[in-house]
């Protein structure tokens, strides 16, 4: 499979994951809390979920267009690394349950895949 095909597959997986998983607390806070534990500020959980879902929509739109400008790659990698860091730091600090650590490796894998696949080929001037 060509690099561009892998990049489109990555964008589909990452975008769909962000839209589906991050809308979960908006659609059903009760089931979200059953898995992740009770929350103090439901509105904040839902707000963050909606904002991350927007990132998913941006990634899916880039896939649809067949173009992955640097800004989309930075957004995808940045969100993935930020979410992984939040998971690790706040689980380690006892602020959120260890369940959140299941998300960190997925986020790190997504970030790594973007960094590998979206890198301009050798000898090109970049994007």
C-alpha atoms as a PDB file:
ATOM      1  CA  UNK A   1       0.000   0.000   0.000  1.00  0.00           C
ATOM      2  CA  UNK A   2       1.279   3.488  -0.837  1.00  0.00           C
ATOM      3  CA  UNK A   3       2.106   6.053   1.838  1.00  0.00           C
ATOM      4  CA  UNK A   4      -0.858   8.203   0.751  1.00  0.00           C
ATOM      5  CA  UNK A   5      -3.223   5.247   1.183  1.00  0.00           C
ATOM      6  CA  UNK A   6      -1.874   4.590   4.680  1.00  0.00           C
ATOM      7  CA  UNK A   7      -2.266   8.271   5.511  1.00  0.00           C
ATOM      8  CA  UNK A   8      -5.904   8.234   4.369  1.00  0.00           C
ATOM      9  CA  UNK A   9      -6.542   5.103   6.464  1.00  0.00           C
ATOM     10  CA  UNK A  10      -4.905   6.746   9.491  1.00  0.00           C
ATOM     11  CA  UNK A  11      -7.045   9.856   9.028  1.00  0.00           C
ATOM     12  CA  UNK A  12     -10.199   7.744   8.822  1.00  0.00           C
ATOM     13  CA  UNK A  13      -9.319   5.799  11.974  1.00  0.00           C
ATOM     14  CA  UNK A  14      -8.205   8.837  13.981  1.00  0.00           C
ATOM     15  CA  UNK A  15     -11.062  11.073  12.885  1.00  0.00           C
ATOM     16  CA  UNK A  16     -13.733   8.429  13.441  1.00  0.00           C
ATOM     17  CA  UNK A  17     -12.245   7.528  16.844  1.00  0.00           C
ATOM     18  CA  UNK A  18     -12.325  11.141  17.985  1.00  0.00           C
ATOM     19  CA  UNK A  19     -15.858  11.765  16.766  1.00  0.00           C
ATOM     20  CA  UNK A  20     -17.341   8.555  18.177  1.00  0.00           C
ATOM     21  CA  UNK A  21     -15.433   8.259  21.450  1.00  0.00           C
ATOM     22  CA  UNK A  22     -15.516  11.928  22.380  1.00  0.00           C
ATOM     23  CA  UNK A  23     -19.234  12.298  21.733  1.00  0.00           C
ATOM     24  CA  UNK A  24     -19.909   9.425  24.134  1.00  0.00           C
ATOM     25  CA  UNK A  25     -20.330  11.634  27.249  1.00  0.00           C
ATOM     26  CA  UNK A  26     -22.567  13.979  25.250  1.00  0.00           C
ATOM     27  CA  UNK A  27     -24.810  11.124  24.138  1.00  0.00           C
ATOM     28  CA  UNK A  28     -24.816   9.197  27.444  1.00  0.00           C
ATOM     29  CA  UNK A  29     -23.063  10.625  30.468  1.00  0.00           C
ATOM     30  CA  UNK A  30     -24.461   7.770  32.578  1.00  0.00           C
ATOM     31  CA  UNK A  31     -22.703   5.022  30.590  1.00  0.00           C
ATOM     32  CA  UNK A  32     -19.548   7.137  30.253  1.00  0.00           C
ATOM     33  CA  UNK A  33     -19.391   7.513  34.043  1.00  0.00           C
ATOM     34  CA  UNK A  34     -20.044   3.790  34.532  1.00  0.00           C
ATOM     35  CA  UNK A  35     -16.785   3.093  32.715  1.00  0.00           C
ATOM     36  CA  UNK A  36     -14.652   6.085  33.710  1.00  0.00           C
ATOM     37  CA  UNK A  37     -16.018   6.916  37.150  1.00  0.00           C
ATOM     38  CA  UNK A  38     -18.209   9.761  38.428  1.00  0.00           C
ATOM     39  CA  UNK A  39     -17.488  13.309  37.316  1.00  0.00           C
ATOM     40  CA  UNK A  40     -17.953  16.573  39.191  1.00  0.00           C
ATOM     41  CA  UNK A  41     -18.583  18.824  36.199  1.00  0.00           C
ATOM     42  CA  UNK A  42     -20.527  17.008  33.483  1.00  0.00           C
ATOM     43  CA  UNK A  43     -20.668  20.174  31.386  1.00  0.00           C
ATOM     44  CA  UNK A  44     -16.860  20.355  31.293  1.00  0.00           C
ATOM     45  CA  UNK A  45     -16.505  16.700  30.248  1.00  0.00           C
ATOM     46  CA  UNK A  46     -19.055  17.278  27.491  1.00  0.00           C
ATOM     47  CA  UNK A  47     -17.394  20.521  26.367  1.00  0.00           C
ATOM     48  CA  UNK A  48     -13.973  18.868  26.073  1.00  0.00           C
ATOM     49  CA  UNK A  49     -15.565  15.939  24.254  1.00  0.00           C
ATOM     50  CA  UNK A  50     -17.194  18.245  21.728  1.00  0.00           C
ATOM     51  CA  UNK A  51     -13.954  20.142  21.135  1.00  0.00           C
ATOM     52  CA  UNK A  52     -12.009  16.934  20.519  1.00  0.00           C
ATOM     53  CA  UNK A  53     -14.803  15.713  18.230  1.00  0.00           C
ATOM     54  CA  UNK A  54     -14.238  18.886  16.183  1.00  0.00           C
ATOM     55  CA  UNK A  55     -10.618  17.791  15.741  1.00  0.00           C
ATOM     56  CA  UNK A  56     -11.969  14.482  14.443  1.00  0.00           C
ATOM     57  CA  UNK A  57     -14.170  16.280  11.938  1.00  0.00           C
ATOM     58  CA  UNK A  58     -11.194  18.366  10.728  1.00  0.00           C
ATOM     59  CA  UNK A  59      -9.113  15.201  10.240  1.00  0.00           C
ATOM     60  CA  UNK A  60     -11.971  13.493   8.383  1.00  0.00           C
ATOM     61  CA  UNK A  61     -12.417  16.557   6.183  1.00  0.00           C
ATOM     62  CA  UNK A  62      -8.718  16.531   5.284  1.00  0.00           C
ATOM     63  CA  UNK A  63      -9.101  12.879   4.325  1.00  0.00           C
ATOM     64  CA  UNK A  64     -12.126  13.663   2.190  1.00  0.00           C
ATOM     65  CA  UNK A  65     -10.176  16.379   0.393  1.00  0.00           C
ATOM     66  CA  UNK A  66      -7.155  14.120   0.013  1.00  0.00           C
ATOM     67  CA  UNK A  67      -4.858  16.818   1.402  1.00  0.00           C
ATOM     68  CA  UNK A  68      -3.090  16.865   4.745  1.00  0.00           C
ATOM     69  CA  UNK A  69      -1.626  20.331   5.268  1.00  0.00           C
ATOM     70  CA  UNK A  70       0.823  20.860   8.092  1.00  0.00           C
ATOM     71  CA  UNK A  71      -1.857  22.501  10.272  1.00  0.00           C
ATOM     72  CA  UNK A  72      -4.004  19.342  10.200  1.00  0.00           C
ATOM     73  CA  UNK A  73      -1.011  17.166  11.056  1.00  0.00           C
ATOM     74  CA  UNK A  74      -0.011  19.482  13.920  1.00  0.00           C
ATOM     75  CA  UNK A  75      -3.598  19.400  15.226  1.00  0.00           C
ATOM     76  CA  UNK A  76      -3.780  15.594  15.023  1.00  0.00           C
ATOM     77  CA  UNK A  77      -0.391  15.013  16.646  1.00  0.00           C
ATOM     78  CA  UNK A  78      -0.826  17.789  19.203  1.00  0.00           C
ATOM     79  CA  UNK A  79      -4.225  16.605  20.386  1.00  0.00           C
ATOM     80  CA  UNK A  80      -3.051  12.989  20.594  1.00  0.00           C
ATOM     81  CA  UNK A  81       0.061  13.891  22.614  1.00  0.00           C
ATOM     82  CA  UNK A  82      -1.861  16.275  24.880  1.00  0.00           C
ATOM     83  CA  UNK A  83      -4.510  13.650  25.627  1.00  0.00           C
ATOM     84  CA  UNK A  84      -1.880  10.981  26.325  1.00  0.00           C
ATOM     85  CA  UNK A  85      -0.028  13.346  28.658  1.00  0.00           C
ATOM     86  CA  UNK A  86      -3.225  14.239  30.534  1.00  0.00           C
ATOM     87  CA  UNK A  87      -4.021  10.543  30.971  1.00  0.00           C
ATOM     88  CA  UNK A  88      -0.580   9.675  32.344  1.00  0.00           C
ATOM     89  CA  UNK A  89      -0.078  12.749  34.534  1.00  0.00           C
ATOM     90  CA  UNK A  90      -3.522  12.731  36.122  1.00  0.00           C
ATOM     91  CA  UNK A  91      -3.641   8.968  36.676  1.00  0.00           C
ATOM     92  CA  UNK A  92      -0.195   9.177  38.308  1.00  0.00           C
ATOM     93  CA  UNK A  93      -1.444  12.029  40.493  1.00  0.00           C
ATOM     94  CA  UNK A  94      -4.545  10.103  41.541  1.00  0.00           C
ATOM     95  CA  UNK A  95      -6.953  12.627  39.996  1.00  0.00           C
ATOM     96  CA  UNK A  96      -8.506  10.206  37.477  1.00  0.00           C
ATOM     97  CA  UNK A  97      -8.908   6.415  37.568  1.00  0.00           C
ATOM     98  CA  UNK A  98      -6.410   4.061  35.872  1.00  0.00           C
ATOM     99  CA  UNK A  99      -9.094   3.236  33.272  1.00  0.00           C
ATOM    100  CA  UNK A 100      -7.877   6.333  31.421  1.00  0.00           C
ATOM    101  CA  UNK A 101      -4.515   4.669  30.802  1.00  0.00           C
ATOM    102  CA  UNK A 102      -6.161   2.459  28.178  1.00  0.00           C
ATOM    103  CA  UNK A 103      -6.418   5.590  26.025  1.00  0.00           C
ATOM    104  CA  UNK A 104      -2.787   6.747  26.335  1.00  0.00           C
ATOM    105  CA  UNK A 105      -1.165   4.026  24.157  1.00  0.00           C
ATOM    106  CA  UNK A 106      -3.779   4.584  21.444  1.00  0.00           C
ATOM    107  CA  UNK A 107      -3.075   8.321  21.457  1.00  0.00           C
ATOM    108  CA  UNK A 108       0.697   7.741  21.352  1.00  0.00           C
ATOM    109  CA  UNK A 109       0.322   5.305  18.454  1.00  0.00           C
ATOM    110  CA  UNK A 110      -1.805   7.810  16.533  1.00  0.00           C
ATOM    111  CA  UNK A 111       0.762  10.577  17.085  1.00  0.00           C
ATOM    112  CA  UNK A 112       3.638   8.320  15.994  1.00  0.00           C
ATOM    113  CA  UNK A 113       1.771   7.187  12.882  1.00  0.00           C
ATOM    114  CA  UNK A 114       1.103  10.785  11.840  1.00  0.00           C
ATOM    115  CA  UNK A 115       4.747  11.722  12.374  1.00  0.00           C
ATOM    116  CA  UNK A 116       5.913   8.819  10.211  1.00  0.00           C
ATOM    117  CA  UNK A 117       3.293   8.956   7.462  1.00  0.00           C
ATOM    118  CA  UNK A 118       2.887  12.720   7.089  1.00  0.00           C
ATOM    119  CA  UNK A 119       6.607  13.413   6.892  1.00  0.00           C
ATOM    120  CA  UNK A 120       7.485  14.689   3.421  1.00  0.00           C
ATOM    121  CA  UNK A 121       9.382  12.150   1.334  1.00  0.00           C
ATOM    122  CA  UNK A 122      13.165  12.593   1.201  1.00  0.00           C
ATOM    123  CA  UNK A 123      14.250  15.178  -1.286  1.00  0.00           C
ATOM    124  CA  UNK A 124      10.928  17.037  -1.349  1.00  0.00           C
ATOM    125  CA  UNK A 125      10.567  20.633  -0.263  1.00  0.00           C
ATOM    126  CA  UNK A 126       7.791  19.777   2.213  1.00  0.00           C
ATOM    127  CA  UNK A 127       4.097  20.536   2.277  1.00  0.00           C
END
